[in-house]
């Protein structure tokens, strides 16, 4: 159970749900597959997949949940072909061009008729709630996907007040200082060999650099040309590597060999035991990383939580 991304959200009020109460609440909005006329459905499923039934997987003080979103797949070309044939037949029969409203009605009818035969695709979004850390961590690089899960969580629990953590210093400004050599990351946090630079102008361009030393002339030339660092690859204590963006989203999260070896030593071959051990290792490392990241950008602005 390794997250590939981590979008961070600070819980702004006390979270007092037990694992049992969470399970009961999520069960009322458990996933149900699309019906014949549904275009999409979403609901909660077990984070363990086929290896478990519980909708909340708790390890230590962290609660893992998983939202499933199922959508009907209707290729636009299929709809368009059927609509064109029906429009042509109707125009020939009536001896006149159809109005836009009539064509729209035909398209809606075609869509309704094809929905029961459409394929479905599903997307699974994981997140864990860490009440003692006042955090929700969503495994998604997309703000829209993360907000979809948080919105469903609010509907399920009645309230879920969260917001992205605010820091005292601009991440883009600070990461730019790191590459300029005008400031240094905290101990344990080391820039790797990849970054994204963006022109500070409103319509500025983007430059992506990979596989070269970020302290070299190429990067320096771009920084001297009024570009800022908006994404930077970082290594954390030889345990984690990731790409951090200027919104503090952790992307392309990878876990080091030491953690994977520890997982093999602790969990063996049992799938649920490995899942539990991996989740525990991951949440432990992220519980250390997140405060270090916030501190790297001047510390968290806690006053923003009540704004």
C-alpha atoms as a PDB file:
ATOM      1  CA  UNK A   1       0.000   0.000   0.000  1.00  0.00           C
ATOM      2  CA  UNK A   2       2.330   2.688  -1.266  1.00  0.00           C
ATOM      3  CA  UNK A   3       0.811   6.013  -2.326  1.00  0.00           C
ATOM      4  CA  UNK A   4       2.138   7.378  -5.617  1.00  0.00           C
ATOM      5  CA  UNK A   5       1.149  10.968  -4.797  1.00  0.00           C
ATOM      6  CA  UNK A   6       0.212  12.911  -1.700  1.00  0.00           C
ATOM      7  CA  UNK A   7      -2.023  15.965  -1.568  1.00  0.00           C
ATOM      8  CA  UNK A   8      -2.049  17.350   1.963  1.00  0.00           C
ATOM      9  CA  UNK A   9      -5.043  18.799   3.788  1.00  0.00           C
ATOM     10  CA  UNK A  10      -5.044  20.186   7.303  1.00  0.00           C
ATOM     11  CA  UNK A  11      -8.045  19.222   9.466  1.00  0.00           C
ATOM     12  CA  UNK A  12      -9.243  22.495  10.965  1.00  0.00           C
ATOM     13  CA  UNK A  13     -11.501  21.129  13.716  1.00  0.00           C
ATOM     14  CA  UNK A  14     -11.192  18.180  16.067  1.00  0.00           C
ATOM     15  CA  UNK A  15     -11.840  14.860  14.325  1.00  0.00           C
ATOM     16  CA  UNK A  16     -13.589  12.594  16.808  1.00  0.00           C
ATOM     17  CA  UNK A  17     -14.746   9.681  14.647  1.00  0.00           C
ATOM     18  CA  UNK A  18     -13.677   6.234  15.779  1.00  0.00           C
ATOM     19  CA  UNK A  19     -12.848   3.513  13.264  1.00  0.00           C
ATOM     20  CA  UNK A  20     -16.152   1.793  14.089  1.00  0.00           C
ATOM     21  CA  UNK A  21     -18.190   4.968  13.597  1.00  0.00           C
ATOM     22  CA  UNK A  22     -16.392   5.676  10.326  1.00  0.00           C
ATOM     23  CA  UNK A  23     -17.131   2.156   9.096  1.00  0.00           C
ATOM     24  CA  UNK A  24     -20.821   2.551   9.896  1.00  0.00           C
ATOM     25  CA  UNK A  25     -21.046   5.934   8.176  1.00  0.00           C
ATOM     26  CA  UNK A  26     -19.232   4.788   5.021  1.00  0.00           C
ATOM     27  CA  UNK A  27     -21.421   1.686   4.800  1.00  0.00           C
ATOM     28  CA  UNK A  28     -24.441   3.942   4.233  1.00  0.00           C
ATOM     29  CA  UNK A  29     -22.769   5.297   1.105  1.00  0.00           C
ATOM     30  CA  UNK A  30     -21.062   2.114  -0.064  1.00  0.00           C
ATOM     31  CA  UNK A  31     -20.442   1.777  -3.780  1.00  0.00           C
ATOM     32  CA  UNK A  32     -23.229   0.459  -5.991  1.00  0.00           C
ATOM     33  CA  UNK A  33     -22.589  -0.267  -9.694  1.00  0.00           C
ATOM     34  CA  UNK A  34     -24.146   1.873 -12.405  1.00  0.00           C
ATOM     35  CA  UNK A  35     -27.715   1.030 -13.322  1.00  0.00           C
ATOM     36  CA  UNK A  36     -28.891   0.808 -16.955  1.00  0.00           C
ATOM     37  CA  UNK A  37     -29.543   4.557 -17.265  1.00  0.00           C
ATOM     38  CA  UNK A  38     -26.762   5.853 -14.991  1.00  0.00           C
ATOM     39  CA  UNK A  39     -23.831   7.694 -16.512  1.00  0.00           C
ATOM     40  CA  UNK A  40     -21.748   7.392 -13.316  1.00  0.00           C
ATOM     41  CA  UNK A  41     -21.853   6.295  -9.708  1.00  0.00           C
ATOM     42  CA  UNK A  42     -19.488   6.624  -6.778  1.00  0.00           C
ATOM     43  CA  UNK A  43     -19.241   5.203  -3.306  1.00  0.00           C
ATOM     44  CA  UNK A  44     -16.901   3.676  -0.746  1.00  0.00           C
ATOM     45  CA  UNK A  45     -15.173   0.333  -1.238  1.00  0.00           C
ATOM     46  CA  UNK A  46     -12.681  -1.643   0.799  1.00  0.00           C
ATOM     47  CA  UNK A  47      -9.109  -0.297   0.568  1.00  0.00           C
ATOM     48  CA  UNK A  48      -8.023  -3.948   0.683  1.00  0.00           C
ATOM     49  CA  UNK A  49      -9.755  -4.704  -2.610  1.00  0.00           C
ATOM     50  CA  UNK A  50     -10.528  -8.422  -2.897  1.00  0.00           C
ATOM     51  CA  UNK A  51      -8.612  -9.158   0.299  1.00  0.00           C
ATOM     52  CA  UNK A  52     -11.112  -7.589   2.667  1.00  0.00           C
ATOM     53  CA  UNK A  53     -14.621  -6.277   3.250  1.00  0.00           C
ATOM     54  CA  UNK A  54     -14.083  -3.430   5.714  1.00  0.00           C
ATOM     55  CA  UNK A  55     -14.507   0.057   4.306  1.00  0.00           C
ATOM     56  CA  UNK A  56     -12.058   1.561   6.801  1.00  0.00           C
ATOM     57  CA  UNK A  57      -8.612   0.043   7.249  1.00  0.00           C
ATOM     58  CA  UNK A  58      -7.064   1.295  10.474  1.00  0.00           C
ATOM     59  CA  UNK A  59      -3.434   0.909  11.436  1.00  0.00           C
ATOM     60  CA  UNK A  60      -2.118   2.759  14.429  1.00  0.00           C
ATOM     61  CA  UNK A  61      -3.984   6.073  14.462  1.00  0.00           C
ATOM     62  CA  UNK A  62      -4.481   6.319  10.684  1.00  0.00           C
ATOM     63  CA  UNK A  63      -7.711   5.416   8.870  1.00  0.00           C
ATOM     64  CA  UNK A  64      -7.430   4.436   5.201  1.00  0.00           C
ATOM     65  CA  UNK A  65     -10.459   4.787   2.916  1.00  0.00           C
ATOM     66  CA  UNK A  66     -11.050   4.281  -0.805  1.00  0.00           C
ATOM     67  CA  UNK A  67     -13.574   5.966  -3.096  1.00  0.00           C
ATOM     68  CA  UNK A  68     -14.623   4.194  -6.291  1.00  0.00           C
ATOM     69  CA  UNK A  69     -16.015   6.207  -9.178  1.00  0.00           C
ATOM     70  CA  UNK A  70     -17.578   4.206 -12.021  1.00  0.00           C
ATOM     71  CA  UNK A  71     -18.398   5.867 -15.348  1.00  0.00           C
ATOM     72  CA  UNK A  72     -20.133   4.621 -18.465  1.00  0.00           C
ATOM     73  CA  UNK A  73     -17.924   4.773 -21.549  1.00  0.00           C
ATOM     74  CA  UNK A  74     -19.737   5.930 -24.678  1.00  0.00           C
ATOM     75  CA  UNK A  75     -17.300   6.854 -27.459  1.00  0.00           C
ATOM     76  CA  UNK A  76     -18.373  10.177 -29.036  1.00  0.00           C
ATOM     77  CA  UNK A  77     -17.802   8.719 -32.511  1.00  0.00           C
ATOM     78  CA  UNK A  78     -20.378   5.972 -31.864  1.00  0.00           C
ATOM     79  CA  UNK A  79     -22.975   8.475 -30.669  1.00  0.00           C
ATOM     80  CA  UNK A  80     -22.231  10.846 -33.544  1.00  0.00           C
ATOM     81  CA  UNK A  81     -22.594   8.113 -36.174  1.00  0.00           C
ATOM     82  CA  UNK A  82     -25.957   6.957 -34.850  1.00  0.00           C
ATOM     83  CA  UNK A  83     -27.219  10.540 -34.487  1.00  0.00           C
ATOM     84  CA  UNK A  84     -26.142  11.427 -38.051  1.00  0.00           C
ATOM     85  CA  UNK A  85     -28.025   8.423 -39.434  1.00  0.00           C
ATOM     86  CA  UNK A  86     -31.223   9.282 -37.540  1.00  0.00           C
ATOM     87  CA  UNK A  87     -31.008  12.968 -38.448  1.00  0.00           C
ATOM     88  CA  UNK A  88     -30.533  12.116 -42.134  1.00  0.00           C
ATOM     89  CA  UNK A  89     -33.482   9.710 -42.058  1.00  0.00           C
ATOM     90  CA  UNK A  90     -35.726  12.234 -40.314  1.00  0.00           C
ATOM     91  CA  UNK A  91     -34.790  15.025 -42.748  1.00  0.00           C
ATOM     92  CA  UNK A  92     -35.474  12.798 -45.729  1.00  0.00           C
ATOM     93  CA  UNK A  93     -38.817  11.718 -44.309  1.00  0.00           C
ATOM     94  CA  UNK A  94     -39.934  15.258 -43.434  1.00  0.00           C
ATOM     95  CA  UNK A  95     -38.364  16.959 -46.450  1.00  0.00           C
ATOM     96  CA  UNK A  96     -36.703  19.686 -44.390  1.00  0.00           C
ATOM     97  CA  UNK A  97     -33.560  20.311 -42.285  1.00  0.00           C
ATOM     98  CA  UNK A  98     -34.009  19.567 -38.613  1.00  0.00           C
ATOM     99  CA  UNK A  99     -33.671  22.394 -36.117  1.00  0.00           C
ATOM    100  CA  UNK A 100     -30.894  22.381 -33.518  1.00  0.00           C
ATOM    101  CA  UNK A 101     -33.320  21.534 -30.734  1.00  0.00           C
ATOM    102  CA  UNK A 102     -34.573  18.508 -32.667  1.00  0.00           C
ATOM    103  CA  UNK A 103     -31.015  17.269 -33.233  1.00  0.00           C
ATOM    104  CA  UNK A 104     -30.260  17.695 -29.530  1.00  0.00           C
ATOM    105  CA  UNK A 105     -33.329  15.638 -28.637  1.00  0.00           C
ATOM    106  CA  UNK A 106     -32.205  12.886 -31.002  1.00  0.00           C
ATOM    107  CA  UNK A 107     -28.741  12.879 -29.420  1.00  0.00           C
ATOM    108  CA  UNK A 108     -30.221  12.611 -25.931  1.00  0.00           C
ATOM    109  CA  UNK A 109     -32.422   9.726 -27.040  1.00  0.00           C
ATOM    110  CA  UNK A 110     -29.498   7.904 -28.651  1.00  0.00           C
ATOM    111  CA  UNK A 111     -27.421   8.325 -25.476  1.00  0.00           C
ATOM    112  CA  UNK A 112     -30.206   6.881 -23.313  1.00  0.00           C
ATOM    113  CA  UNK A 113     -30.593   3.898 -25.637  1.00  0.00           C
ATOM    114  CA  UNK A 114     -26.863   3.157 -25.745  1.00  0.00           C
ATOM    115  CA  UNK A 115     -26.179   3.545 -22.019  1.00  0.00           C
ATOM    116  CA  UNK A 116     -27.336   0.027 -21.019  1.00  0.00           C
ATOM    117  CA  UNK A 117     -24.850  -1.448 -23.515  1.00  0.00           C
ATOM    118  CA  UNK A 118     -21.939   0.838 -22.639  1.00  0.00           C
ATOM    119  CA  UNK A 119     -18.740  -0.378 -21.046  1.00  0.00           C
ATOM    120  CA  UNK A 120     -17.768   0.967 -17.635  1.00  0.00           C
ATOM    121  CA  UNK A 121     -14.462   2.157 -16.246  1.00  0.00           C
ATOM    122  CA  UNK A 122     -13.587   2.761 -12.635  1.00  0.00           C
ATOM    123  CA  UNK A 123     -11.190   5.038 -10.816  1.00  0.00           C
ATOM    124  CA  UNK A 124     -10.095   4.370  -7.256  1.00  0.00           C
ATOM    125  CA  UNK A 125      -8.940   7.231  -5.012  1.00  0.00           C
ATOM    126  CA  UNK A 126      -7.292   6.372  -1.688  1.00  0.00           C
ATOM    127  CA  UNK A 127      -6.813   8.677   1.251  1.00  0.00           C
ATOM    128  CA  UNK A 128      -5.936   8.329   4.886  1.00  0.00           C
ATOM    129  CA  UNK A 129      -7.079  10.370   7.843  1.00  0.00           C
ATOM    130  CA  UNK A 130      -4.526  10.964  10.599  1.00  0.00           C
ATOM    131  CA  UNK A 131      -6.420  12.703  13.435  1.00  0.00           C
ATOM    132  CA  UNK A 132      -3.416  13.011  15.763  1.00  0.00           C
ATOM    133  CA  UNK A 133      -1.506  14.799  12.972  1.00  0.00           C
ATOM    134  CA  UNK A 134      -4.576  16.823  11.923  1.00  0.00           C
ATOM    135  CA  UNK A 135      -4.039  15.625   8.359  1.00  0.00           C
ATOM    136  CA  UNK A 136      -5.859  14.072   5.455  1.00  0.00           C
ATOM    137  CA  UNK A 137      -3.528  12.730   2.772  1.00  0.00           C
ATOM    138  CA  UNK A 138      -5.017  11.936  -0.648  1.00  0.00           C
ATOM    139  CA  UNK A 139      -3.247   9.722  -3.154  1.00  0.00           C
ATOM    140  CA  UNK A 140      -3.771  11.974  -6.157  1.00  0.00           C
ATOM    141  CA  UNK A 141      -1.835  14.621  -8.030  1.00  0.00           C
ATOM    142  CA  UNK A 142      -5.121  16.074  -9.291  1.00  0.00           C
ATOM    143  CA  UNK A 143      -6.856  18.695  -7.166  1.00  0.00           C
ATOM    144  CA  UNK A 144     -10.174  17.795  -8.828  1.00  0.00           C
ATOM    145  CA  UNK A 145      -9.860  14.115  -7.915  1.00  0.00           C
ATOM    146  CA  UNK A 146      -8.852  14.985  -4.367  1.00  0.00           C
ATOM    147  CA  UNK A 147     -11.788  17.362  -4.000  1.00  0.00           C
ATOM    148  CA  UNK A 148     -14.124  14.658  -5.319  1.00  0.00           C
ATOM    149  CA  UNK A 149     -13.044  12.372  -2.483  1.00  0.00           C
ATOM    150  CA  UNK A 150     -13.212  15.135   0.135  1.00  0.00           C
ATOM    151  CA  UNK A 151     -16.662  16.194  -1.067  1.00  0.00           C
ATOM    152  CA  UNK A 152     -17.925  12.618  -0.760  1.00  0.00           C
ATOM    153  CA  UNK A 153     -16.352  12.402   2.689  1.00  0.00           C
ATOM    154  CA  UNK A 154     -18.181  15.563   3.733  1.00  0.00           C
ATOM    155  CA  UNK A 155     -21.470  14.128   2.440  1.00  0.00           C
ATOM    156  CA  UNK A 156     -20.790  10.899   4.306  1.00  0.00           C
ATOM    157  CA  UNK A 157     -19.782  12.394   7.639  1.00  0.00           C
ATOM    158  CA  UNK A 158     -21.909  15.543   7.523  1.00  0.00           C
ATOM    159  CA  UNK A 159     -18.820  17.720   7.889  1.00  0.00           C
ATOM    160  CA  UNK A 160     -15.140  17.467   7.083  1.00  0.00           C
ATOM    161  CA  UNK A 161     -13.472  20.881   7.504  1.00  0.00           C
ATOM    162  CA  UNK A 162     -10.094  20.742   5.774  1.00  0.00           C
ATOM    163  CA  UNK A 163      -7.873  23.066   3.800  1.00  0.00           C
ATOM    164  CA  UNK A 164      -4.395  22.846   2.279  1.00  0.00           C
ATOM    165  CA  UNK A 165      -1.687  23.809   4.775  1.00  0.00           C
ATOM    166  CA  UNK A 166      -0.394  27.354   4.404  1.00  0.00           C
ATOM    167  CA  UNK A 167       3.287  28.153   4.893  1.00  0.00           C
ATOM    168  CA  UNK A 168       5.104  31.358   5.758  1.00  0.00           C
ATOM    169  CA  UNK A 169       7.314  31.429   2.651  1.00  0.00           C
ATOM    170  CA  UNK A 170       6.434  30.941  -0.993  1.00  0.00           C
ATOM    171  CA  UNK A 171       7.481  27.410  -2.057  1.00  0.00           C
ATOM    172  CA  UNK A 172       8.413  28.636  -5.549  1.00  0.00           C
ATOM    173  CA  UNK A 173      10.559  31.462  -4.140  1.00  0.00           C
ATOM    174  CA  UNK A 174      12.238  29.200  -1.606  1.00  0.00           C
ATOM    175  CA  UNK A 175      12.994  26.400  -4.088  1.00  0.00           C
ATOM    176  CA  UNK A 176      14.429  29.009  -6.449  1.00  0.00           C
ATOM    177  CA  UNK A 177      16.714  30.216  -3.664  1.00  0.00           C
ATOM    178  CA  UNK A 178      17.877  26.651  -3.094  1.00  0.00           C
ATOM    179  CA  UNK A 179      18.964  26.265  -6.706  1.00  0.00           C
ATOM    180  CA  UNK A 180      20.585  29.713  -6.696  1.00  0.00           C
ATOM    181  CA  UNK A 181      22.601  28.737  -3.644  1.00  0.00           C
ATOM    182  CA  UNK A 182      21.139  31.658  -1.694  1.00  0.00           C
ATOM    183  CA  UNK A 183      19.510  29.325   0.832  1.00  0.00           C
ATOM    184  CA  UNK A 184      19.818  25.652   1.711  1.00  0.00           C
ATOM    185  CA  UNK A 185      17.198  22.939   2.268  1.00  0.00           C
ATOM    186  CA  UNK A 186      17.001  21.532   5.789  1.00  0.00           C
ATOM    187  CA  UNK A 187      19.062  18.487   6.689  1.00  0.00           C
ATOM    188  CA  UNK A 188      17.827  15.316   5.036  1.00  0.00           C
ATOM    189  CA  UNK A 189      16.172  17.068   2.089  1.00  0.00           C
ATOM    190  CA  UNK A 190      18.363  17.015  -1.016  1.00  0.00           C
ATOM    191  CA  UNK A 191      17.507  18.324  -4.524  1.00  0.00           C
ATOM    192  CA  UNK A 192      17.845  15.623  -7.178  1.00  0.00           C
ATOM    193  CA  UNK A 193      18.359  16.046 -10.937  1.00  0.00           C
ATOM    194  CA  UNK A 194      14.987  17.263 -12.202  1.00  0.00           C
ATOM    195  CA  UNK A 195      13.013  20.494 -12.021  1.00  0.00           C
ATOM    196  CA  UNK A 196      10.418  22.602 -13.800  1.00  0.00           C
ATOM    197  CA  UNK A 197      10.988  26.316 -14.278  1.00  0.00           C
ATOM    198  CA  UNK A 198       8.318  28.829 -15.154  1.00  0.00           C
ATOM    199  CA  UNK A 199       8.629  32.388 -16.393  1.00  0.00           C
ATOM    200  CA  UNK A 200       7.306  34.851 -13.830  1.00  0.00           C
ATOM    201  CA  UNK A 201       5.330  36.681 -16.506  1.00  0.00           C
ATOM    202  CA  UNK A 202       1.619  35.843 -16.662  1.00  0.00           C
ATOM    203  CA  UNK A 203       1.960  34.158 -20.074  1.00  0.00           C
ATOM    204  CA  UNK A 204       5.480  32.922 -19.407  1.00  0.00           C
ATOM    205  CA  UNK A 205       6.925  29.721 -20.773  1.00  0.00           C
ATOM    206  CA  UNK A 206       7.873  26.499 -19.004  1.00  0.00           C
ATOM    207  CA  UNK A 207      11.227  24.715 -19.089  1.00  0.00           C
ATOM    208  CA  UNK A 208      11.655  21.139 -17.844  1.00  0.00           C
ATOM    209  CA  UNK A 209      15.156  19.960 -16.992  1.00  0.00           C
ATOM    210  CA  UNK A 210      16.092  16.377 -16.209  1.00  0.00           C
ATOM    211  CA  UNK A 211      19.275  14.397 -15.871  1.00  0.00           C
ATOM    212  CA  UNK A 212      21.675  17.294 -15.459  1.00  0.00           C
ATOM    213  CA  UNK A 213      23.175  18.938 -12.396  1.00  0.00           C
ATOM    214  CA  UNK A 214      20.782  21.592 -11.141  1.00  0.00           C
ATOM    215  CA  UNK A 215      23.707  23.704  -9.969  1.00  0.00           C
ATOM    216  CA  UNK A 216      25.050  24.022 -13.519  1.00  0.00           C
ATOM    217  CA  UNK A 217      25.135  26.887 -16.012  1.00  0.00           C
ATOM    218  CA  UNK A 218      21.951  25.878 -17.860  1.00  0.00           C
ATOM    219  CA  UNK A 219      19.729  26.151 -14.788  1.00  0.00           C
ATOM    220  CA  UNK A 220      21.501  29.298 -13.612  1.00  0.00           C
ATOM    221  CA  UNK A 221      20.906  30.991 -16.979  1.00  0.00           C
ATOM    222  CA  UNK A 222      17.165  30.321 -16.765  1.00  0.00           C
ATOM    223  CA  UNK A 223      16.996  31.552 -13.174  1.00  0.00           C
ATOM    224  CA  UNK A 224      18.867  34.721 -14.151  1.00  0.00           C
ATOM    225  CA  UNK A 225      16.251  35.200 -16.865  1.00  0.00           C
ATOM    226  CA  UNK A 226      13.461  35.697 -14.288  1.00  0.00           C
ATOM    227  CA  UNK A 227      12.303  32.089 -14.118  1.00  0.00           C
ATOM    228  CA  UNK A 228      11.165  30.430 -10.874  1.00  0.00           C
ATOM    229  CA  UNK A 229      11.217  26.827  -9.717  1.00  0.00           C
ATOM    230  CA  UNK A 230       7.671  25.428  -9.694  1.00  0.00           C
ATOM    231  CA  UNK A 231       8.581  21.730  -9.377  1.00  0.00           C
ATOM    232  CA  UNK A 232      11.667  20.190  -7.873  1.00  0.00           C
ATOM    233  CA  UNK A 233      12.746  16.570  -7.452  1.00  0.00           C
ATOM    234  CA  UNK A 234      13.844  15.874  -3.882  1.00  0.00           C
ATOM    235  CA  UNK A 235      15.291  12.990  -1.871  1.00  0.00           C
ATOM    236  CA  UNK A 236      14.383  12.591   1.779  1.00  0.00           C
ATOM    237  CA  UNK A 237      16.910  10.837   4.033  1.00  0.00           C
ATOM    238  CA  UNK A 238      17.480   8.132   1.398  1.00  0.00           C
ATOM    239  CA  UNK A 239      14.011   6.812   2.241  1.00  0.00           C
ATOM    240  CA  UNK A 240      11.722   8.732  -0.105  1.00  0.00           C
ATOM    241  CA  UNK A 241      12.075  10.453  -3.457  1.00  0.00           C
ATOM    242  CA  UNK A 242       9.427  12.680  -5.016  1.00  0.00           C
ATOM    243  CA  UNK A 243       8.631  15.744  -7.079  1.00  0.00           C
ATOM    244  CA  UNK A 244       7.394  18.684  -5.012  1.00  0.00           C
ATOM    245  CA  UNK A 245       5.392  21.452  -6.682  1.00  0.00           C
ATOM    246  CA  UNK A 246       4.698  25.027  -5.637  1.00  0.00           C
ATOM    247  CA  UNK A 247       1.371  24.011  -4.057  1.00  0.00           C
ATOM    248  CA  UNK A 248       3.158  21.505  -1.786  1.00  0.00           C
ATOM    249  CA  UNK A 249       1.747  18.563  -3.723  1.00  0.00           C
ATOM    250  CA  UNK A 250       3.985  15.523  -3.536  1.00  0.00           C
ATOM    251  CA  UNK A 251       4.103  13.770  -6.918  1.00  0.00           C
ATOM    252  CA  UNK A 252       5.739  10.579  -8.177  1.00  0.00           C
ATOM    253  CA  UNK A 253       6.369   9.396  -4.644  1.00  0.00           C
ATOM    254  CA  UNK A 254       8.798   6.482  -4.441  1.00  0.00           C
ATOM    255  CA  UNK A 255       9.937   4.548  -1.398  1.00  0.00           C
ATOM    256  CA  UNK A 256      13.544   3.532  -0.896  1.00  0.00           C
ATOM    257  CA  UNK A 257      15.026   0.051  -0.919  1.00  0.00           C
ATOM    258  CA  UNK A 258      15.542   0.068   2.859  1.00  0.00           C
ATOM    259  CA  UNK A 259      11.795   0.456   3.428  1.00  0.00           C
ATOM    260  CA  UNK A 260      10.986  -2.281   0.931  1.00  0.00           C
ATOM    261  CA  UNK A 261      13.481  -4.618   2.548  1.00  0.00           C
ATOM    262  CA  UNK A 262      12.008  -3.854   5.964  1.00  0.00           C
ATOM    263  CA  UNK A 263       8.580  -4.689   4.554  1.00  0.00           C
ATOM    264  CA  UNK A 264       9.854  -8.063   3.345  1.00  0.00           C
ATOM    265  CA  UNK A 265      11.435  -8.773   6.733  1.00  0.00           C
ATOM    266  CA  UNK A 266       8.375  -7.775   8.764  1.00  0.00           C
ATOM    267  CA  UNK A 267       5.438  -9.070   6.719  1.00  0.00           C
ATOM    268  CA  UNK A 268       6.442 -12.182   4.785  1.00  0.00           C
ATOM    269  CA  UNK A 269       4.043 -13.394   2.105  1.00  0.00           C
ATOM    270  CA  UNK A 270       0.650 -12.843   3.741  1.00  0.00           C
ATOM    271  CA  UNK A 271      -1.144 -10.252   1.592  1.00  0.00           C
ATOM    272  CA  UNK A 272      -3.090  -8.536   4.388  1.00  0.00           C
ATOM    273  CA  UNK A 273      -0.048  -8.510   6.664  1.00  0.00           C
ATOM    274  CA  UNK A 274       2.040  -6.963   3.871  1.00  0.00           C
ATOM    275  CA  UNK A 275      -0.679  -4.385   3.242  1.00  0.00           C
ATOM    276  CA  UNK A 276      -0.770  -3.472   6.934  1.00  0.00           C
ATOM    277  CA  UNK A 277       3.014  -3.298   7.198  1.00  0.00           C
ATOM    278  CA  UNK A 278       3.357  -1.192   4.023  1.00  0.00           C
ATOM    279  CA  UNK A 279       0.646   1.213   5.183  1.00  0.00           C
ATOM    280  CA  UNK A 280       2.291   1.558   8.600  1.00  0.00           C
ATOM    281  CA  UNK A 281       5.723   2.212   7.085  1.00  0.00           C
ATOM    282  CA  UNK A 282       4.308   4.726   4.623  1.00  0.00           C
ATOM    283  CA  UNK A 283       2.311   6.718   7.169  1.00  0.00           C
ATOM    284  CA  UNK A 284       5.277   6.726   9.554  1.00  0.00           C
ATOM    285  CA  UNK A 285       7.604   8.165   6.903  1.00  0.00           C
ATOM    286  CA  UNK A 286       5.060  10.742   5.775  1.00  0.00           C
ATOM    287  CA  UNK A 287       4.439  11.767   9.398  1.00  0.00           C
ATOM    288  CA  UNK A 288       8.142  12.652   9.525  1.00  0.00           C
ATOM    289  CA  UNK A 289       8.347  14.193   6.064  1.00  0.00           C
ATOM    290  CA  UNK A 290       5.333  16.541   6.209  1.00  0.00           C
ATOM    291  CA  UNK A 291       6.510  18.609   9.233  1.00  0.00           C
ATOM    292  CA  UNK A 292       9.980  18.830   7.680  1.00  0.00           C
ATOM    293  CA  UNK A 293       8.523  20.133   4.420  1.00  0.00           C
ATOM    294  CA  UNK A 294       6.401  22.721   6.200  1.00  0.00           C
ATOM    295  CA  UNK A 295       9.392  23.847   8.239  1.00  0.00           C
ATOM    296  CA  UNK A 296      11.485  24.096   5.060  1.00  0.00           C
ATOM    297  CA  UNK A 297       9.150  26.847   3.863  1.00  0.00           C
ATOM    298  CA  UNK A 298       9.211  28.935   7.013  1.00  0.00           C
ATOM    299  CA  UNK A 299       6.819  26.836   9.045  1.00  0.00           C
ATOM    300  CA  UNK A 300       3.064  26.542   8.883  1.00  0.00           C
ATOM    301  CA  UNK A 301       0.881  29.619   9.110  1.00  0.00           C
ATOM    302  CA  UNK A 302      -1.597  28.290  11.666  1.00  0.00           C
ATOM    303  CA  UNK A 303      -3.537  31.570  11.685  1.00  0.00           C
ATOM    304  CA  UNK A 304      -4.782  30.677   8.201  1.00  0.00           C
ATOM    305  CA  UNK A 305      -6.668  27.691   9.608  1.00  0.00           C
ATOM    306  CA  UNK A 306      -9.315  29.900  11.173  1.00  0.00           C
ATOM    307  CA  UNK A 307      -9.574  32.243   8.208  1.00  0.00           C
END
